[in-house]
Amino acid sequence: MKQIIKYSLLILGAVIFAYPFLWMFAASLKPEIEIGGFSLWSSNFSFKNYEQVFARIPIARAFFNSVLVSSITTLSVVVFGSMIGYALARLNFRGRNALYYLILFTMMIPFQITLIPQYVLMVKLGITDSYLALIAPTMISTLGIVMFRQFFMSIPQALIDAARIDGCSDFKIIFAVIWPLSRPVVITVAILSFMASWNEVLWPIIVVRERTLMTLPQIVTLFTIGGQAEALLGLQLAAATLLALPIIIAYSFFQRYFIDSMVSSGVKG
């Protein structure tokens, strides 16, 4: 009886959390007149709303831009974050702890405070309306540095000393010795970085005005609130579904690794 109650509550919770996404997808396939109800079924399902979205905005180009920017950002966060985390965890130098506390302090600063200085810097460098303006400010993540540092603190020092005796440099120790042992934290940081970069809207709106360089969240936001959707809820829901679908698919594929990674990397140190 306890198992029945437990799984019943879990199923109920899953339905409550999943229903809004299921309704959004079902409503995006319905005619405009039928969207007002809460039912998921309709006898008039069609892809007309999606056809209109593809016809009105360059959704495929925006999808490519988002994949490109998010992939480069994720790779740089993992590479640079692991290097800095290794230095803070295993290299002895003056001011190491002070530098780590400074990094922790920057995590408490709201991003709105640095938004204007970052934009001014992009303008001074002359890189607005470019992929570099989208990628450069997010190439290093303080959260990634902290997670790598905490995980690397748990790796036995004897393993690193043995690698040094064999003639390995610090770079080789990071990428050839520690990385194969750090799969949980690497996956965790990669997923969090990709999702944060993919869902970013405010920064791309500020630094990019060229339509061919716009990311998917940016162009969907401008589509829904800028008048192109003509207040048609079906078109807005179709655009929102196209925006959310890649993240949902990616998370569904990596959820087992993500949960294992959060458990194994989040409690160390």
C-alpha atoms as a PDB file:
ATOM      1  CA  MET A   1       0.000   0.000   0.000  1.00  0.00           C
ATOM      2  CA  LYS A   2       2.881   2.385   0.770  1.00  0.00           C
ATOM      3  CA  GLN A   3       4.372   1.740  -2.669  1.00  0.00           C
ATOM      4  CA  ILE A   4       1.007   2.380  -4.326  1.00  0.00           C
ATOM      5  CA  ILE A   5       0.593   5.679  -2.484  1.00  0.00           C
ATOM      6  CA  LYS A   6       4.171   6.739  -3.235  1.00  0.00           C
ATOM      7  CA  TYR A   7       3.964   6.047  -6.960  1.00  0.00           C
ATOM      8  CA  SER A   8       0.501   7.580  -7.181  1.00  0.00           C
ATOM      9  CA  LEU A   9       1.843  10.816  -5.704  1.00  0.00           C
ATOM     10  CA  LEU A  10       4.836  10.732  -8.050  1.00  0.00           C
ATOM     11  CA  ILE A  11       2.600  10.208 -11.077  1.00  0.00           C
ATOM     12  CA  LEU A  12       0.315  13.023  -9.928  1.00  0.00           C
ATOM     13  CA  GLY A  13       3.303  15.351  -9.511  1.00  0.00           C
ATOM     14  CA  ALA A  14       4.648  14.387 -12.936  1.00  0.00           C
ATOM     15  CA  VAL A  15       1.278  15.119 -14.562  1.00  0.00           C
ATOM     16  CA  ILE A  16       1.013  18.500 -12.801  1.00  0.00           C
ATOM     17  CA  PHE A  17       4.490  19.547 -13.961  1.00  0.00           C
ATOM     18  CA  ALA A  18       4.192  18.109 -17.484  1.00  0.00           C
ATOM     19  CA  TYR A  19       0.675  19.308 -18.269  1.00  0.00           C
ATOM     20  CA  PRO A  20       1.594  22.930 -19.140  1.00  0.00           C
ATOM     21  CA  PHE A  21       4.164  21.712 -21.680  1.00  0.00           C
ATOM     22  CA  LEU A  22       1.758  19.166 -23.130  1.00  0.00           C
ATOM     23  CA  TRP A  23      -0.969  21.810 -23.334  1.00  0.00           C
ATOM     24  CA  MET A  24       1.413  24.251 -25.042  1.00  0.00           C
ATOM     25  CA  PHE A  25       2.329  21.684 -27.691  1.00  0.00           C
ATOM     26  CA  ALA A  26      -1.293  20.588 -28.223  1.00  0.00           C
ATOM     27  CA  ALA A  27      -2.522  24.195 -28.399  1.00  0.00           C
ATOM     28  CA  SER A  28       0.121  25.050 -30.989  1.00  0.00           C
ATOM     29  CA  LEU A  29      -1.504  22.460 -33.271  1.00  0.00           C
ATOM     30  CA  LYS A  30      -5.064  23.696 -32.763  1.00  0.00           C
ATOM     31  CA  PRO A  31      -6.995  26.370 -34.673  1.00  0.00           C
ATOM     32  CA  GLU A  32      -7.047  29.734 -32.908  1.00  0.00           C
ATOM     33  CA  ILE A  33     -10.691  29.369 -31.887  1.00  0.00           C
ATOM     34  CA  GLU A  34     -10.056  26.157 -29.917  1.00  0.00           C
ATOM     35  CA  ILE A  35      -7.047  27.276 -27.892  1.00  0.00           C
ATOM     36  CA  GLY A  36      -9.079  28.734 -25.021  1.00  0.00           C
ATOM     37  CA  GLY A  37      -9.958  25.340 -23.518  1.00  0.00           C
ATOM     38  CA  PHE A  38      -7.892  23.093 -21.273  1.00  0.00           C
ATOM     39  CA  SER A  39      -8.369  19.953 -23.326  1.00  0.00           C
ATOM     40  CA  LEU A  40      -5.352  18.395 -25.013  1.00  0.00           C
ATOM     41  CA  TRP A  41      -7.322  16.835 -27.853  1.00  0.00           C
ATOM     42  CA  SER A  42      -8.721  18.382 -30.991  1.00  0.00           C
ATOM     43  CA  SER A  43     -10.087  16.892 -34.196  1.00  0.00           C
ATOM     44  CA  ASN A  44      -8.540  19.750 -36.186  1.00  0.00           C
ATOM     45  CA  PHE A  45      -4.831  19.277 -35.429  1.00  0.00           C
ATOM     46  CA  SER A  46      -2.554  20.759 -38.079  1.00  0.00           C
ATOM     47  CA  PHE A  47       0.904  22.305 -38.487  1.00  0.00           C
ATOM     48  CA  LYS A  48      -0.389  25.586 -39.943  1.00  0.00           C
ATOM     49  CA  ASN A  49       0.887  27.617 -36.991  1.00  0.00           C
ATOM     50  CA  TYR A  50       4.373  26.187 -37.442  1.00  0.00           C
ATOM     51  CA  GLU A  51       4.248  26.908 -41.162  1.00  0.00           C
ATOM     52  CA  GLN A  52       3.359  30.523 -40.381  1.00  0.00           C
ATOM     53  CA  VAL A  53       6.222  30.828 -37.896  1.00  0.00           C
ATOM     54  CA  PHE A  54       8.748  29.516 -40.427  1.00  0.00           C
ATOM     55  CA  ALA A  55       7.322  31.870 -43.055  1.00  0.00           C
ATOM     56  CA  ARG A  56       7.463  34.991 -40.889  1.00  0.00           C
ATOM     57  CA  ILE A  57      10.827  34.673 -39.117  1.00  0.00           C
ATOM     58  CA  PRO A  58      14.155  32.967 -40.045  1.00  0.00           C
ATOM     59  CA  ILE A  59      13.735  30.286 -37.383  1.00  0.00           C
ATOM     60  CA  ALA A  60      16.224  27.871 -38.966  1.00  0.00           C
ATOM     61  CA  ARG A  61      18.976  30.509 -39.066  1.00  0.00           C
ATOM     62  CA  ALA A  62      18.232  31.503 -35.468  1.00  0.00           C
ATOM     63  CA  PHE A  63      18.410  27.846 -34.426  1.00  0.00           C
ATOM     64  CA  PHE A  64      21.835  27.536 -36.054  1.00  0.00           C
ATOM     65  CA  ASN A  65      23.010  30.700 -34.288  1.00  0.00           C
ATOM     66  CA  SER A  66      21.848  29.398 -30.912  1.00  0.00           C
ATOM     67  CA  VAL A  67      23.519  26.023 -31.429  1.00  0.00           C
ATOM     68  CA  LEU A  68      26.766  27.696 -32.503  1.00  0.00           C
ATOM     69  CA  VAL A  69      26.872  30.214 -29.654  1.00  0.00           C
ATOM     70  CA  SER A  70      25.775  27.725 -26.981  1.00  0.00           C
ATOM     71  CA  SER A  71      28.239  25.052 -28.140  1.00  0.00           C
ATOM     72  CA  ILE A  72      31.247  27.390 -28.195  1.00  0.00           C
ATOM     73  CA  THR A  73      30.241  28.889 -24.845  1.00  0.00           C
ATOM     74  CA  THR A  74      29.843  25.452 -23.265  1.00  0.00           C
ATOM     75  CA  LEU A  75      33.190  24.230 -24.579  1.00  0.00           C
ATOM     76  CA  SER A  76      35.026  27.323 -23.348  1.00  0.00           C
ATOM     77  CA  VAL A  77      33.360  27.164 -19.919  1.00  0.00           C
ATOM     78  CA  VAL A  78      34.369  23.517 -19.486  1.00  0.00           C
ATOM     79  CA  VAL A  79      37.961  24.017 -20.703  1.00  0.00           C
ATOM     80  CA  PHE A  80      38.740  27.298 -18.936  1.00  0.00           C
ATOM     81  CA  GLY A  81      36.722  26.399 -15.857  1.00  0.00           C
ATOM     82  CA  SER A  82      38.604  23.131 -15.406  1.00  0.00           C
ATOM     83  CA  MET A  83      41.964  24.896 -15.820  1.00  0.00           C
ATOM     84  CA  ILE A  84      41.146  27.579 -13.250  1.00  0.00           C
ATOM     85  CA  GLY A  85      39.555  25.031 -10.917  1.00  0.00           C
ATOM     86  CA  TYR A  86      42.683  22.887 -11.108  1.00  0.00           C
ATOM     87  CA  ALA A  87      44.901  25.872 -10.308  1.00  0.00           C
ATOM     88  CA  LEU A  88      42.767  26.805  -7.299  1.00  0.00           C
ATOM     89  CA  ALA A  89      42.611  23.223  -6.066  1.00  0.00           C
ATOM     90  CA  ARG A  90      46.100  21.831  -6.696  1.00  0.00           C
ATOM     91  CA  LEU A  91      48.604  24.597  -7.372  1.00  0.00           C
ATOM     92  CA  ASN A  92      50.211  26.436  -4.474  1.00  0.00           C
ATOM     93  CA  PHE A  93      50.665  30.149  -5.110  1.00  0.00           C
ATOM     94  CA  ARG A  94      50.353  33.312  -3.065  1.00  0.00           C
ATOM     95  CA  GLY A  95      46.821  34.666  -2.860  1.00  0.00           C
ATOM     96  CA  ARG A  96      45.137  31.440  -3.971  1.00  0.00           C
ATOM     97  CA  ASN A  97      42.482  31.478  -1.257  1.00  0.00           C
ATOM     98  CA  ALA A  98      41.903  35.219  -1.657  1.00  0.00           C
ATOM     99  CA  LEU A  99      41.366  34.719  -5.393  1.00  0.00           C
ATOM    100  CA  TYR A 100      38.893  31.909  -4.704  1.00  0.00           C
ATOM    101  CA  TYR A 101      36.930  34.077  -2.271  1.00  0.00           C
ATOM    102  CA  LEU A 102      36.902  36.865  -4.834  1.00  0.00           C
ATOM    103  CA  ILE A 103      35.401  34.487  -7.377  1.00  0.00           C
ATOM    104  CA  LEU A 104      32.750  33.480  -4.839  1.00  0.00           C
ATOM    105  CA  PHE A 105      32.021  37.148  -4.200  1.00  0.00           C
ATOM    106  CA  THR A 106      31.381  37.825  -7.895  1.00  0.00           C
ATOM    107  CA  MET A 107      28.633  35.190  -7.830  1.00  0.00           C
ATOM    108  CA  MET A 108      26.659  37.436  -5.460  1.00  0.00           C
ATOM    109  CA  ILE A 109      26.736  40.436  -7.816  1.00  0.00           C
ATOM    110  CA  PRO A 110      23.500  40.708  -9.871  1.00  0.00           C
ATOM    111  CA  PHE A 111      24.188  40.552 -13.587  1.00  0.00           C
ATOM    112  CA  GLN A 112      22.175  43.746 -14.103  1.00  0.00           C
ATOM    113  CA  ILE A 113      24.986  45.706 -12.419  1.00  0.00           C
ATOM    114  CA  THR A 114      27.574  44.584 -14.977  1.00  0.00           C
ATOM    115  CA  LEU A 115      25.235  44.736 -17.959  1.00  0.00           C
ATOM    116  CA  ILE A 116      25.923  48.351 -18.944  1.00  0.00           C
ATOM    117  CA  PRO A 117      29.732  48.179 -18.433  1.00  0.00           C
ATOM    118  CA  GLN A 118      29.863  45.028 -20.547  1.00  0.00           C
ATOM    119  CA  TYR A 119      27.861  46.684 -23.319  1.00  0.00           C
ATOM    120  CA  VAL A 120      30.093  49.761 -23.238  1.00  0.00           C
ATOM    121  CA  LEU A 121      33.115  47.463 -23.507  1.00  0.00           C
ATOM    122  CA  MET A 122      31.609  45.683 -26.519  1.00  0.00           C
ATOM    123  CA  VAL A 123      30.998  49.057 -28.189  1.00  0.00           C
ATOM    124  CA  LYS A 124      34.546  50.266 -27.465  1.00  0.00           C
ATOM    125  CA  LEU A 125      35.939  47.038 -28.940  1.00  0.00           C
ATOM    126  CA  GLY A 126      33.702  47.414 -31.989  1.00  0.00           C
ATOM    127  CA  ILE A 127      32.333  43.866 -31.821  1.00  0.00           C
ATOM    128  CA  THR A 128      28.617  44.524 -31.446  1.00  0.00           C
ATOM    129  CA  ASP A 129      26.426  42.761 -33.992  1.00  0.00           C
ATOM    130  CA  SER A 130      28.780  39.787 -34.094  1.00  0.00           C
ATOM    131  CA  TYR A 131      29.025  36.262 -32.716  1.00  0.00           C
ATOM    132  CA  LEU A 132      31.964  37.382 -30.586  1.00  0.00           C
ATOM    133  CA  ALA A 133      29.751  39.818 -28.674  1.00  0.00           C
ATOM    134  CA  LEU A 134      27.418  36.933 -27.807  1.00  0.00           C
ATOM    135  CA  ILE A 135      30.172  34.513 -26.816  1.00  0.00           C
ATOM    136  CA  ALA A 136      32.939  36.544 -25.148  1.00  0.00           C
ATOM    137  CA  PRO A 137      31.125  37.613 -21.922  1.00  0.00           C
ATOM    138  CA  THR A 138      30.073  34.016 -21.143  1.00  0.00           C
ATOM    139  CA  MET A 139      33.266  32.110 -21.920  1.00  0.00           C
ATOM    140  CA  ILE A 140      34.061  31.724 -18.213  1.00  0.00           C
ATOM    141  CA  SER A 141      31.528  30.739 -15.553  1.00  0.00           C
ATOM    142  CA  THR A 142      32.160  31.328 -11.865  1.00  0.00           C
ATOM    143  CA  LEU A 143      29.811  28.474 -11.007  1.00  0.00           C
ATOM    144  CA  GLY A 144      31.799  26.165 -13.267  1.00  0.00           C
ATOM    145  CA  ILE A 145      35.066  27.226 -11.630  1.00  0.00           C
ATOM    146  CA  VAL A 146      33.673  26.530  -8.157  1.00  0.00           C
ATOM    147  CA  MET A 147      32.286  23.134  -9.143  1.00  0.00           C
ATOM    148  CA  PHE A 148      35.536  22.071 -10.803  1.00  0.00           C
ATOM    149  CA  ARG A 149      37.573  23.267  -7.846  1.00  0.00           C
ATOM    150  CA  GLN A 150      35.408  21.404  -5.347  1.00  0.00           C
ATOM    151  CA  PHE A 151      35.545  18.196  -7.382  1.00  0.00           C
ATOM    152  CA  PHE A 152      39.299  18.376  -7.992  1.00  0.00           C
ATOM    153  CA  MET A 153      39.895  18.764  -4.251  1.00  0.00           C
ATOM    154  CA  SER A 154      38.598  15.199  -3.832  1.00  0.00           C
ATOM    155  CA  ILE A 155      41.102  13.661  -6.295  1.00  0.00           C
ATOM    156  CA  PRO A 156      44.038  12.010  -4.449  1.00  0.00           C
ATOM    157  CA  GLN A 157      47.196  14.083  -4.520  1.00  0.00           C
ATOM    158  CA  ALA A 158      49.202  10.870  -4.976  1.00  0.00           C
ATOM    159  CA  LEU A 159      47.669  10.451  -8.448  1.00  0.00           C
ATOM    160  CA  ILE A 160      48.789  13.928  -9.482  1.00  0.00           C
ATOM    161  CA  ASP A 161      52.266  13.399  -7.999  1.00  0.00           C
ATOM    162  CA  ALA A 162      52.596  10.125  -9.917  1.00  0.00           C
ATOM    163  CA  ALA A 163      51.688  11.928 -13.159  1.00  0.00           C
ATOM    164  CA  ARG A 164      54.320  14.580 -12.467  1.00  0.00           C
ATOM    165  CA  ILE A 165      56.934  11.888 -11.829  1.00  0.00           C
ATOM    166  CA  ASP A 166      56.078  10.429 -15.240  1.00  0.00           C
ATOM    167  CA  GLY A 167      56.858  13.813 -16.791  1.00  0.00           C
ATOM    168  CA  CYS A 168      53.338  15.163 -17.309  1.00  0.00           C
ATOM    169  CA  SER A 169      52.863  18.908 -17.445  1.00  0.00           C
ATOM    170  CA  ASP A 170      49.960  20.556 -15.668  1.00  0.00           C
ATOM    171  CA  PHE A 171      48.005  20.758 -18.930  1.00  0.00           C
ATOM    172  CA  LYS A 172      48.471  17.056 -19.561  1.00  0.00           C
ATOM    173  CA  ILE A 173      47.497  16.277 -15.971  1.00  0.00           C
ATOM    174  CA  ILE A 174      44.249  18.214 -16.428  1.00  0.00           C
ATOM    175  CA  PHE A 175      43.185  16.814 -19.793  1.00  0.00           C
ATOM    176  CA  ALA A 176      44.738  13.330 -19.776  1.00  0.00           C
ATOM    177  CA  VAL A 177      44.592  12.339 -16.113  1.00  0.00           C
ATOM    178  CA  ILE A 178      41.927  14.349 -14.311  1.00  0.00           C
ATOM    179  CA  TRP A 179      39.329  14.803 -17.056  1.00  0.00           C
ATOM    180  CA  PRO A 180      38.690  11.038 -17.480  1.00  0.00           C
ATOM    181  CA  LEU A 181      38.005  10.900 -13.733  1.00  0.00           C
ATOM    182  CA  SER A 182      35.836  14.019 -13.761  1.00  0.00           C
ATOM    183  CA  ARG A 183      33.014  12.921 -16.031  1.00  0.00           C
ATOM    184  CA  PRO A 184      30.273  13.821 -13.484  1.00  0.00           C
ATOM    185  CA  VAL A 185      31.359  17.428 -13.007  1.00  0.00           C
ATOM    186  CA  VAL A 186      32.176  17.916 -16.698  1.00  0.00           C
ATOM    187  CA  ILE A 187      28.671  16.792 -17.703  1.00  0.00           C
ATOM    188  CA  THR A 188      27.052  18.903 -15.000  1.00  0.00           C
ATOM    189  CA  VAL A 189      28.899  22.082 -15.948  1.00  0.00           C
ATOM    190  CA  ALA A 190      28.322  21.444 -19.667  1.00  0.00           C
ATOM    191  CA  ILE A 191      24.561  20.971 -19.268  1.00  0.00           C
ATOM    192  CA  LEU A 192      24.131  23.990 -16.999  1.00  0.00           C
ATOM    193  CA  SER A 193      26.244  26.181 -19.297  1.00  0.00           C
ATOM    194  CA  PHE A 194      24.432  25.059 -22.450  1.00  0.00           C
ATOM    195  CA  MET A 195      20.999  25.646 -20.924  1.00  0.00           C
ATOM    196  CA  ALA A 196      21.982  29.080 -19.580  1.00  0.00           C
ATOM    197  CA  SER A 197      23.436  30.132 -22.935  1.00  0.00           C
ATOM    198  CA  TRP A 198      20.506  28.731 -24.910  1.00  0.00           C
ATOM    199  CA  ASN A 199      17.881  30.530 -22.792  1.00  0.00           C
ATOM    200  CA  GLU A 200      19.695  33.893 -22.672  1.00  0.00           C
ATOM    201  CA  VAL A 201      17.519  36.679 -24.094  1.00  0.00           C
ATOM    202  CA  LEU A 202      18.464  40.035 -22.582  1.00  0.00           C
ATOM    203  CA  TRP A 203      22.122  40.149 -23.607  1.00  0.00           C
ATOM    204  CA  PRO A 204      21.531  39.174 -27.284  1.00  0.00           C
ATOM    205  CA  ILE A 205      18.785  41.808 -27.539  1.00  0.00           C
ATOM    206  CA  ILE A 206      21.224  44.456 -26.306  1.00  0.00           C
ATOM    207  CA  VAL A 207      24.262  43.649 -28.477  1.00  0.00           C
ATOM    208  CA  VAL A 208      22.729  42.182 -31.661  1.00  0.00           C
ATOM    209  CA  ARG A 209      20.386  43.980 -34.032  1.00  0.00           C
ATOM    210  CA  GLU A 210      21.343  42.177 -37.237  1.00  0.00           C
ATOM    211  CA  ARG A 211      18.519  39.731 -37.990  1.00  0.00           C
ATOM    212  CA  THR A 212      20.811  37.045 -39.412  1.00  0.00           C
ATOM    213  CA  LEU A 213      22.796  36.948 -36.144  1.00  0.00           C
ATOM    214  CA  MET A 214      19.856  36.705 -33.757  1.00  0.00           C
ATOM    215  CA  THR A 215      19.578  33.654 -31.515  1.00  0.00           C
ATOM    216  CA  LEU A 216      16.436  31.560 -31.242  1.00  0.00           C
ATOM    217  CA  PRO A 217      15.244  32.961 -27.857  1.00  0.00           C
ATOM    218  CA  GLN A 218      15.900  36.493 -29.092  1.00  0.00           C
ATOM    219  CA  ILE A 219      13.995  36.175 -32.339  1.00  0.00           C
ATOM    220  CA  VAL A 220      11.112  34.310 -30.657  1.00  0.00           C
ATOM    221  CA  THR A 221      10.849  37.047 -28.029  1.00  0.00           C
ATOM    222  CA  LEU A 222      10.802  39.784 -30.658  1.00  0.00           C
ATOM    223  CA  PHE A 223       8.283  37.759 -32.659  1.00  0.00           C
ATOM    224  CA  THR A 224       5.850  37.392 -29.753  1.00  0.00           C
ATOM    225  CA  ILE A 225       6.078  40.896 -28.284  1.00  0.00           C
ATOM    226  CA  GLY A 226       7.090  42.877 -31.368  1.00  0.00           C
ATOM    227  CA  GLY A 227       3.844  42.534 -33.282  1.00  0.00           C
ATOM    228  CA  GLN A 228       4.827  39.983 -35.915  1.00  0.00           C
ATOM    229  CA  ALA A 229       2.647  37.337 -34.274  1.00  0.00           C
ATOM    230  CA  GLU A 230      -0.349  39.729 -34.602  1.00  0.00           C
ATOM    231  CA  ALA A 231      -1.596  38.695 -31.131  1.00  0.00           C
ATOM    232  CA  LEU A 232      -2.332  35.181 -32.442  1.00  0.00           C
ATOM    233  CA  LEU A 233      -1.827  32.821 -29.530  1.00  0.00           C
ATOM    234  CA  GLY A 234      -1.346  29.804 -31.788  1.00  0.00           C
ATOM    235  CA  LEU A 235       1.669  31.370 -33.496  1.00  0.00           C
ATOM    236  CA  GLN A 236       3.165  32.431 -30.164  1.00  0.00           C
ATOM    237  CA  LEU A 237       2.758  28.935 -28.714  1.00  0.00           C
ATOM    238  CA  ALA A 238       4.265  27.354 -31.826  1.00  0.00           C
ATOM    239  CA  ALA A 239       7.299  29.631 -31.567  1.00  0.00           C
ATOM    240  CA  ALA A 240       7.613  28.883 -27.831  1.00  0.00           C
ATOM    241  CA  THR A 241       7.426  25.150 -28.525  1.00  0.00           C
ATOM    242  CA  LEU A 242      10.220  25.386 -31.093  1.00  0.00           C
ATOM    243  CA  LEU A 243      12.285  27.258 -28.518  1.00  0.00           C
ATOM    244  CA  ALA A 244      11.711  24.764 -25.682  1.00  0.00           C
ATOM    245  CA  LEU A 245      11.838  21.535 -27.685  1.00  0.00           C
ATOM    246  CA  PRO A 246      15.648  21.259 -28.108  1.00  0.00           C
ATOM    247  CA  ILE A 247      16.245  21.747 -24.372  1.00  0.00           C
ATOM    248  CA  ILE A 248      13.533  19.234 -23.468  1.00  0.00           C
ATOM    249  CA  ILE A 249      15.012  16.659 -25.852  1.00  0.00           C
ATOM    250  CA  ALA A 250      18.557  17.280 -24.620  1.00  0.00           C
ATOM    251  CA  TYR A 251      17.541  17.021 -20.977  1.00  0.00           C
ATOM    252  CA  SER A 252      15.501  13.854 -21.636  1.00  0.00           C
ATOM    253  CA  PHE A 253      18.573  12.275 -23.214  1.00  0.00           C
ATOM    254  CA  PHE A 254      21.059  13.385 -20.535  1.00  0.00           C
ATOM    255  CA  GLN A 255      18.832  13.340 -17.459  1.00  0.00           C
ATOM    256  CA  ARG A 256      20.397  10.200 -15.996  1.00  0.00           C
ATOM    257  CA  TYR A 257      23.894  11.622 -16.385  1.00  0.00           C
ATOM    258  CA  PHE A 258      22.743  14.996 -15.115  1.00  0.00           C
ATOM    259  CA  ILE A 259      21.204  13.627 -11.910  1.00  0.00           C
ATOM    260  CA  ASP A 260      24.199  11.368 -11.245  1.00  0.00           C
ATOM    261  CA  SER A 261      26.535  14.283 -11.913  1.00  0.00           C
ATOM    262  CA  MET A 262      24.727  16.645  -9.558  1.00  0.00           C
ATOM    263  CA  VAL A 263      24.792  14.051  -6.788  1.00  0.00           C
ATOM    264  CA  SER A 264      28.439  13.125  -7.190  1.00  0.00           C
ATOM    265  CA  SER A 265      29.819  16.625  -7.790  1.00  0.00           C
ATOM    266  CA  GLY A 266      27.537  18.727  -5.657  1.00  0.00           C
ATOM    267  CA  VAL A 267      28.351  17.089  -2.340  1.00  0.00           C
ATOM    268  CA  LYS A 268      32.142  16.965  -2.637  1.00  0.00           C
ATOM    269  CA  GLY A 269      34.511  19.326  -0.871  1.00  0.00           C
END
